[in-house]
Amino acid sequence: MLDDLITLAHQESGLIIVIDNAWTLLGERRDELCDLIEAFLSQFRHWFERRKPCYLCFQMEVNPGIARFFRDQLCE
């Protein structure tokens, strides 16, 4: 995952990672959540140095609009 995020920093104009239903991840798989945050932070500088936006967002509850929004974006 980390190598892919760094590679994307060279190819894309920005990145948004949205974790939908993050409350479940926080409650049941806390170690994996910490690993995700650590990986995100360790690669963040590659985006920052290129002045490209890079966000990690946590939607705590299930939100069907999140999936719909990103599905619609991919279909354009």
PDB file of N, CA and C in Angstrom:
ATOM      1  N   MET A   1       0.818  -1.190   0.000  1.00  0.00           N
ATOM      2  CA  MET A   1       0.000   0.000   0.000  1.00  0.00           C
ATOM      3  C   MET A   1       0.863   1.256   0.000  1.00  0.00           C
ATOM      4  N   LEU A   2       1.896   1.276   0.824  1.00  0.00           N
ATOM      5  CA  LEU A   2       2.731   2.460   0.945  1.00  0.00           C
ATOM      6  C   LEU A   2       3.396   2.825  -0.374  1.00  0.00           C
ATOM      7  N   ASP A   3       3.963   1.845  -1.059  1.00  0.00           N
ATOM      8  CA  ASP A   3       4.601   2.106  -2.350  1.00  0.00           C
ATOM      9  C   ASP A   3       3.597   2.639  -3.360  1.00  0.00           C
ATOM     10  N   ASP A   4       2.390   2.119  -3.345  1.00  0.00           N
ATOM     11  CA  ASP A   4       1.365   2.585  -4.272  1.00  0.00           C
ATOM     12  C   ASP A   4       1.000   4.036  -4.013  1.00  0.00           C
ATOM     13  N   LEU A   5       0.906   4.434  -2.756  1.00  0.00           N
ATOM     14  CA  LEU A   5       0.573   5.823  -2.429  1.00  0.00           C
ATOM     15  C   LEU A   5       1.686   6.769  -2.842  1.00  0.00           C
ATOM     16  N   ILE A   6       2.918   6.345  -2.692  1.00  0.00           N
ATOM     17  CA  ILE A   6       4.049   7.169  -3.113  1.00  0.00           C
ATOM     18  C   ILE A   6       4.070   7.288  -4.627  1.00  0.00           C
ATOM     19  N   THR A   7       3.836   6.189  -5.321  1.00  0.00           N
ATOM     20  CA  THR A   7       3.780   6.223  -6.790  1.00  0.00           C
ATOM     21  C   THR A   7       2.675   7.154  -7.265  1.00  0.00           C
ATOM     22  N   LEU A   8       1.522   7.099  -6.617  1.00  0.00           N
ATOM     23  CA  LEU A   8       0.418   7.986  -6.996  1.00  0.00           C
ATOM     24  C   LEU A   8       0.795   9.452  -6.834  1.00  0.00           C
ATOM     25  N   ALA A   9       1.636   9.767  -5.867  1.00  0.00           N
ATOM     26  CA  ALA A   9       2.062  11.150  -5.660  1.00  0.00           C
ATOM     27  C   ALA A   9       2.783  11.704  -6.882  1.00  0.00           C
ATOM     28  N   HIS A  10       3.414  10.838  -7.651  1.00  0.00           N
ATOM     29  CA  HIS A  10       4.119  11.258  -8.871  1.00  0.00           C
ATOM     30  C   HIS A  10       3.173  11.363 -10.066  1.00  0.00           C
ATOM     31  N   GLN A  11       2.015  10.698  -9.992  1.00  0.00           N
ATOM     32  CA  GLN A  11       1.141  10.588 -11.160  1.00  0.00           C
ATOM     33  C   GLN A  11      -0.150  11.398 -11.064  1.00  0.00           C
ATOM     34  N   GLU A  12      -0.672  11.576  -9.865  1.00  0.00           N
ATOM     35  CA  GLU A  12      -1.992  12.184  -9.692  1.00  0.00           C
ATOM     36  C   GLU A  12      -1.884  13.593  -9.121  1.00  0.00           C
ATOM     37  N   SER A  13      -2.955  14.360  -9.286  1.00  0.00           N
ATOM     38  CA  SER A  13      -2.945  15.740  -8.802  1.00  0.00           C
ATOM     39  C   SER A  13      -3.384  15.855  -7.342  1.00  0.00           C
ATOM     40  N   GLY A  14      -3.884  14.773  -6.757  1.00  0.00           N
ATOM     41  CA  GLY A  14      -4.307  14.791  -5.365  1.00  0.00           C
ATOM     42  C   GLY A  14      -4.867  13.447  -4.961  1.00  0.00           C
ATOM     43  N   LEU A  15      -5.136  13.303  -3.666  1.00  0.00           N
ATOM     44  CA  LEU A  15      -5.611  12.028  -3.140  1.00  0.00           C
ATOM     45  C   LEU A  15      -6.549  12.278  -1.968  1.00  0.00           C
ATOM     46  N   ILE A  16      -7.666  11.566  -1.961  1.00  0.00           N
ATOM     47  CA  ILE A  16      -8.565  11.542  -0.812  1.00  0.00           C
ATOM     48  C   ILE A  16      -8.846  10.079  -0.502  1.00  0.00           C
ATOM     49  N   ILE A  17      -8.577   9.672   0.719  1.00  0.00           N
ATOM     50  CA  ILE A  17      -8.921   8.333   1.191  1.00  0.00           C
ATOM     51  C   ILE A  17     -10.036   8.521   2.206  1.00  0.00           C
ATOM     52  N   VAL A  18     -11.198   7.929   1.932  1.00  0.00           N
ATOM     53  CA  VAL A  18     -12.334   8.035   2.840  1.00  0.00           C
ATOM     54  C   VAL A  18     -12.617   6.647   3.405  1.00  0.00           C
ATOM     55  N   ILE A  19     -12.595   6.546   4.721  1.00  0.00           N
ATOM     56  CA  ILE A  19     -12.929   5.310   5.402  1.00  0.00           C
ATOM     57  C   ILE A  19     -14.368   5.445   5.890  1.00  0.00           C
ATOM     58  N   ASP A  20     -15.294   4.802   5.201  1.00  0.00           N
ATOM     59  CA  ASP A  20     -16.693   4.833   5.586  1.00  0.00           C
ATOM     60  C   ASP A  20     -16.907   3.809   6.695  1.00  0.00           C
ATOM     61  N   ASN A  21     -17.825   4.093   7.595  1.00  0.00           N
ATOM     62  CA  ASN A  21     -18.114   3.221   8.737  1.00  0.00           C
ATOM     63  C   ASN A  21     -16.852   3.005   9.582  1.00  0.00           C
ATOM     64  N   ALA A  22     -16.104   4.072   9.791  1.00  0.00           N
ATOM     65  CA  ALA A  22     -14.830   3.996  10.513  1.00  0.00           C
ATOM     66  C   ALA A  22     -15.006   3.606  11.971  1.00  0.00           C
ATOM     67  N   TRP A  23     -16.186   3.832  12.521  1.00  0.00           N
ATOM     68  CA  TRP A  23     -16.420   3.462  13.914  1.00  0.00           C
ATOM     69  C   TRP A  23     -16.167   1.967  14.128  1.00  0.00           C
ATOM     70  N   THR A  24     -16.579   1.141  13.166  1.00  0.00           N
ATOM     71  CA  THR A  24     -16.356  -0.303  13.258  1.00  0.00           C
ATOM     72  C   THR A  24     -14.864  -0.609  13.274  1.00  0.00           C
ATOM     73  N   LEU A  25     -14.126   0.048  12.404  1.00  0.00           N
ATOM     74  CA  LEU A  25     -12.678  -0.160  12.354  1.00  0.00           C
ATOM     75  C   LEU A  25     -12.037   0.262  13.677  1.00  0.00           C
ATOM     76  N   LEU A  26     -12.465   1.373  14.212  1.00  0.00           N
ATOM     77  CA  LEU A  26     -11.929   1.853  15.477  1.00  0.00           C
ATOM     78  C   LEU A  26     -12.271   0.911  16.622  1.00  0.00           C
ATOM     79  N   GLY A  27     -13.474   0.382  16.618  1.00  0.00           N
ATOM     80  CA  GLY A  27     -13.909  -0.473  17.712  1.00  0.00           C
ATOM     81  C   GLY A  27     -13.403  -1.897  17.645  1.00  0.00           C
ATOM     82  N   GLU A  28     -13.319  -2.457  16.438  1.00  0.00           N
ATOM     83  CA  GLU A  28     -13.016  -3.881  16.298  1.00  0.00           C
ATOM     84  C   GLU A  28     -11.627  -4.197  15.760  1.00  0.00           C
ATOM     85  N   ARG A  29     -11.008  -3.244  15.056  1.00  0.00           N
ATOM     86  CA  ARG A  29      -9.722  -3.527  14.425  1.00  0.00           C
ATOM     87  C   ARG A  29      -8.771  -2.345  14.628  1.00  0.00           C
ATOM     88  N   ARG A  30      -8.640  -1.963  15.853  1.00  0.00           N
ATOM     89  CA  ARG A  30      -7.859  -0.771  16.199  1.00  0.00           C
ATOM     90  C   ARG A  30      -6.410  -0.857  15.710  1.00  0.00           C
ATOM     91  N   ASP A  31      -5.793  -2.042  15.768  1.00  0.00           N
ATOM     92  CA  ASP A  31      -4.411  -2.191  15.303  1.00  0.00           C
ATOM     93  C   ASP A  31      -4.299  -1.870  13.812  1.00  0.00           C
ATOM     94  N   GLU A  32      -5.264  -2.327  13.028  1.00  0.00           N
ATOM     95  CA  GLU A  32      -5.247  -2.047  11.596  1.00  0.00           C
ATOM     96  C   GLU A  32      -5.458  -0.564  11.321  1.00  0.00           C
ATOM     97  N   LEU A  33      -6.293   0.072  12.117  1.00  0.00           N
ATOM     98  CA  LEU A  33      -6.497   1.509  11.972  1.00  0.00           C
ATOM     99  C   LEU A  33      -5.200   2.262  12.253  1.00  0.00           C
ATOM    100  N   CYS A  34      -4.501   1.874  13.295  1.00  0.00           N
ATOM    101  CA  CYS A  34      -3.216   2.513  13.612  1.00  0.00           C
ATOM    102  C   CYS A  34      -2.199   2.287  12.496  1.00  0.00           C
ATOM    103  N   ASP A  35      -2.170   1.092  11.928  1.00  0.00           N
ATOM    104  CA  ASP A  35      -1.272   0.806  10.801  1.00  0.00           C
ATOM    105  C   ASP A  35      -1.608   1.687   9.603  1.00  0.00           C
ATOM    106  N   LEU A  36      -2.902   1.864   9.342  1.00  0.00           N
ATOM    107  CA  LEU A  36      -3.338   2.711   8.231  1.00  0.00           C
ATOM    108  C   LEU A  36      -2.893   4.149   8.436  1.00  0.00           C
ATOM    109  N   ILE A  37      -3.099   4.666   9.629  1.00  0.00           N
ATOM    110  CA  ILE A  37      -2.699   6.050   9.921  1.00  0.00           C
ATOM    111  C   ILE A  37      -1.180   6.207   9.812  1.00  0.00           C
ATOM    112  N   GLU A  38      -0.445   5.236  10.320  1.00  0.00           N
ATOM    113  CA  GLU A  38       1.018   5.291  10.229  1.00  0.00           C
ATOM    114  C   GLU A  38       1.487   5.273   8.773  1.00  0.00           C
ATOM    115  N   ALA A  39       0.904   4.412   7.956  1.00  0.00           N
ATOM    116  CA  ALA A  39       1.269   4.355   6.536  1.00  0.00           C
ATOM    117  C   ALA A  39       0.934   5.667   5.838  1.00  0.00           C
ATOM    118  N   PHE A  40      -0.233   6.215   6.146  1.00  0.00           N
ATOM    119  CA  PHE A  40      -0.630   7.476   5.530  1.00  0.00           C
ATOM    120  C   PHE A  40       0.359   8.583   5.892  1.00  0.00           C
ATOM    121  N   LEU A  41       0.700   8.687   7.158  1.00  0.00           N
ATOM    122  CA  LEU A  41       1.596   9.757   7.594  1.00  0.00           C
ATOM    123  C   LEU A  41       3.005   9.601   7.039  1.00  0.00           C
ATOM    124  N   SER A  42       3.470   8.365   6.885  1.00  0.00           N
ATOM    125  CA  SER A  42       4.826   8.162   6.384  1.00  0.00           C
ATOM    126  C   SER A  42       4.962   8.495   4.905  1.00  0.00           C
ATOM    127  N   GLN A  43       3.878   8.433   4.153  1.00  0.00           N
ATOM    128  CA  GLN A  43       3.956   8.765   2.735  1.00  0.00           C
ATOM    129  C   GLN A  43       3.486  10.183   2.442  1.00  0.00           C
ATOM    130  N   PHE A  44       2.897  10.844   3.417  1.00  0.00           N
ATOM    131  CA  PHE A  44       2.306  12.164   3.222  1.00  0.00           C
ATOM    132  C   PHE A  44       3.299  13.190   2.683  1.00  0.00           C
ATOM    133  N   ARG A  45       4.543  13.110   3.126  1.00  0.00           N
ATOM    134  CA  ARG A  45       5.527  14.116   2.698  1.00  0.00           C
ATOM    135  C   ARG A  45       5.736  14.131   1.188  1.00  0.00           C
ATOM    136  N   HIS A  46       5.558  12.980   0.528  1.00  0.00           N
ATOM    137  CA  HIS A  46       5.717  12.932  -0.926  1.00  0.00           C
ATOM    138  C   HIS A  46       4.680  13.825  -1.611  1.00  0.00           C
ATOM    139  N   TRP A  47       3.481  13.836  -1.077  1.00  0.00           N
ATOM    140  CA  TRP A  47       2.427  14.710  -1.611  1.00  0.00           C
ATOM    141  C   TRP A  47       2.703  16.159  -1.221  1.00  0.00           C
ATOM    142  N   PHE A  48       3.068  16.380   0.023  1.00  0.00           N
ATOM    143  CA  PHE A  48       3.304  17.715   0.538  1.00  0.00           C
ATOM    144  C   PHE A  48       4.423  18.411  -0.231  1.00  0.00           C
ATOM    145  N   GLU A  49       5.524  17.706  -0.488  1.00  0.00           N
ATOM    146  CA  GLU A  49       6.655  18.287  -1.211  1.00  0.00           C
ATOM    147  C   GLU A  49       6.273  18.693  -2.631  1.00  0.00           C
ATOM    148  N   ARG A  50       5.292  18.021  -3.198  1.00  0.00           N
ATOM    149  CA  ARG A  50       4.831  18.344  -4.553  1.00  0.00           C
ATOM    150  C   ARG A  50       3.659  19.327  -4.544  1.00  0.00           C
ATOM    151  N   ARG A  51       3.298  19.777  -3.357  1.00  0.00           N
ATOM    152  CA  ARG A  51       2.187  20.721  -3.166  1.00  0.00           C
ATOM    153  C   ARG A  51       0.884  20.186  -3.747  1.00  0.00           C
ATOM    154  N   LYS A  52       0.663  18.903  -3.484  1.00  0.00           N
ATOM    155  CA  LYS A  52      -0.561  18.235  -3.929  1.00  0.00           C
ATOM    156  C   LYS A  52      -1.384  17.865  -2.693  1.00  0.00           C
ATOM    157  N   PRO A  53      -2.701  18.047  -2.765  1.00  0.00           N
ATOM    158  CA  PRO A  53      -3.537  17.707  -1.605  1.00  0.00           C
ATOM    159  C   PRO A  53      -3.570  16.201  -1.355  1.00  0.00           C
ATOM    160  N   CYS A  54      -3.583  15.830  -0.092  1.00  0.00           N
ATOM    161  CA  CYS A  54      -3.615  14.428   0.316  1.00  0.00           C
ATOM    162  C   CYS A  54      -4.356  14.343   1.644  1.00  0.00           C
ATOM    163  N   TYR A  55      -5.507  13.677   1.648  1.00  0.00           N
ATOM    164  CA  TYR A  55      -6.371  13.645   2.824  1.00  0.00           C
ATOM    165  C   TYR A  55      -6.729  12.218   3.217  1.00  0.00           C
ATOM    166  N   LEU A  56      -6.811  11.992   4.509  1.00  0.00           N
ATOM    167  CA  LEU A  56      -7.334  10.748   5.075  1.00  0.00           C
ATOM    168  C   LEU A  56      -8.530  11.151   5.925  1.00  0.00           C
ATOM    169  N   CYS A  57      -9.724  10.720   5.513  1.00  0.00           N
ATOM    170  CA  CYS A  57     -10.971  11.139   6.162  1.00  0.00           C
ATOM    171  C   CYS A  57     -11.687   9.932   6.763  1.00  0.00           C
ATOM    172  N   PHE A  58     -12.263  10.144   7.921  1.00  0.00           N
ATOM    173  CA  PHE A  58     -13.000   9.092   8.610  1.00  0.00           C
ATOM    174  C   PHE A  58     -14.471   9.485   8.715  1.00  0.00           C
ATOM    175  N   GLN A  59     -15.324   8.744   8.025  1.00  0.00           N
ATOM    176  CA  GLN A  59     -16.773   8.879   8.158  1.00  0.00           C
ATOM    177  C   GLN A  59     -17.168   7.835   9.179  1.00  0.00           C
ATOM    178  N   MET A  60     -17.535   8.264  10.383  1.00  0.00           N
ATOM    179  CA  MET A  60     -17.708   7.331  11.489  1.00  0.00           C
ATOM    180  C   MET A  60     -18.876   6.368  11.292  1.00  0.00           C
ATOM    181  N   GLU A  61     -19.984   6.830  10.740  1.00  0.00           N
ATOM    182  CA  GLU A  61     -21.145   5.971  10.519  1.00  0.00           C
ATOM    183  C   GLU A  61     -21.272   5.641   9.041  1.00  0.00           C
ATOM    184  N   VAL A  62     -21.987   4.572   8.756  1.00  0.00           N
ATOM    185  CA  VAL A  62     -22.227   4.213   7.356  1.00  0.00           C
ATOM    186  C   VAL A  62     -22.987   5.346   6.688  1.00  0.00           C
ATOM    187  N   ASN A  63     -22.515   5.743   5.525  1.00  0.00           N
ATOM    188  CA  ASN A  63     -23.175   6.801   4.776  1.00  0.00           C
ATOM    189  C   ASN A  63     -23.243   6.364   3.318  1.00  0.00           C
ATOM    190  N   PRO A  64     -24.427   5.966   2.831  1.00  0.00           N
ATOM    191  CA  PRO A  64     -24.539   5.525   1.441  1.00  0.00           C
ATOM    192  C   PRO A  64     -24.109   6.591   0.444  1.00  0.00           C
ATOM    193  N   GLY A  65     -24.191   7.841   0.841  1.00  0.00           N
ATOM    194  CA  GLY A  65     -23.781   8.926  -0.048  1.00  0.00           C
ATOM    195  C   GLY A  65     -22.300   8.897  -0.374  1.00  0.00           C
ATOM    196  N   ILE A  66     -21.489   8.392   0.550  1.00  0.00           N
ATOM    197  CA  ILE A  66     -20.044   8.295   0.311  1.00  0.00           C
ATOM    198  C   ILE A  66     -19.771   7.363  -0.862  1.00  0.00           C
ATOM    199  N   ALA A  67     -20.311   6.164  -0.804  1.00  0.00           N
ATOM    200  CA  ALA A  67     -20.110   5.192  -1.886  1.00  0.00           C
ATOM    201  C   ALA A  67     -20.688   5.713  -3.198  1.00  0.00           C
ATOM    202  N   ARG A  68     -21.855   6.303  -3.133  1.00  0.00           N
ATOM    203  CA  ARG A  68     -22.503   6.824  -4.339  1.00  0.00           C
ATOM    204  C   ARG A  68     -21.666   7.936  -4.966  1.00  0.00           C
ATOM    205  N   PHE A  69     -21.154   8.850  -4.143  1.00  0.00           N
ATOM    206  CA  PHE A  69     -20.358   9.958  -4.655  1.00  0.00           C
ATOM    207  C   PHE A  69     -19.118   9.453  -5.390  1.00  0.00           C
ATOM    208  N   PHE A  70     -18.375   8.557  -4.743  1.00  0.00           N
ATOM    209  CA  PHE A  70     -17.138   8.090  -5.368  1.00  0.00           C
ATOM    210  C   PHE A  70     -17.411   7.169  -6.552  1.00  0.00           C
ATOM    211  N   ARG A  71     -18.477   6.397  -6.516  1.00  0.00           N
ATOM    212  CA  ARG A  71     -18.845   5.577  -7.667  1.00  0.00           C
ATOM    213  C   ARG A  71     -19.172   6.477  -8.852  1.00  0.00           C
ATOM    214  N   ASP A  72     -19.917   7.548  -8.610  1.00  0.00           N
ATOM    215  CA  ASP A  72     -20.262   8.493  -9.685  1.00  0.00           C
ATOM    216  C   ASP A  72     -19.023   9.169 -10.239  1.00  0.00           C
ATOM    217  N   GLN A  73     -18.049   9.484  -9.373  1.00  0.00           N
ATOM    218  CA  GLN A  73     -16.812  10.112  -9.823  1.00  0.00           C
ATOM    219  C   GLN A  73     -15.995   9.182 -10.713  1.00  0.00           C
ATOM    220  N   LEU A  74     -15.995   7.910 -10.393  1.00  0.00           N
ATOM    221  CA  LEU A  74     -15.247   6.943 -11.191  1.00  0.00           C
ATOM    222  C   LEU A  74     -15.888   6.698 -12.541  1.00  0.00           C
ATOM    223  N   CYS A  75     -17.186   6.885 -12.632  1.00  0.00           N
ATOM    224  CA  CYS A  75     -17.904   6.612 -13.875  1.00  0.00           C
ATOM    225  C   CYS A  75     -17.847   7.771 -14.847  1.00  0.00           C
ATOM    226  N   GLU A  76     -17.346   8.919 -14.430  1.00  0.00           N
ATOM    227  CA  GLU A  76     -17.286  10.072 -15.340  1.00  0.00           C
ATOM    228  C   GLU A  76     -16.191   9.916 -16.357  1.00  0.00           C
TER     229      GLU A  76
END
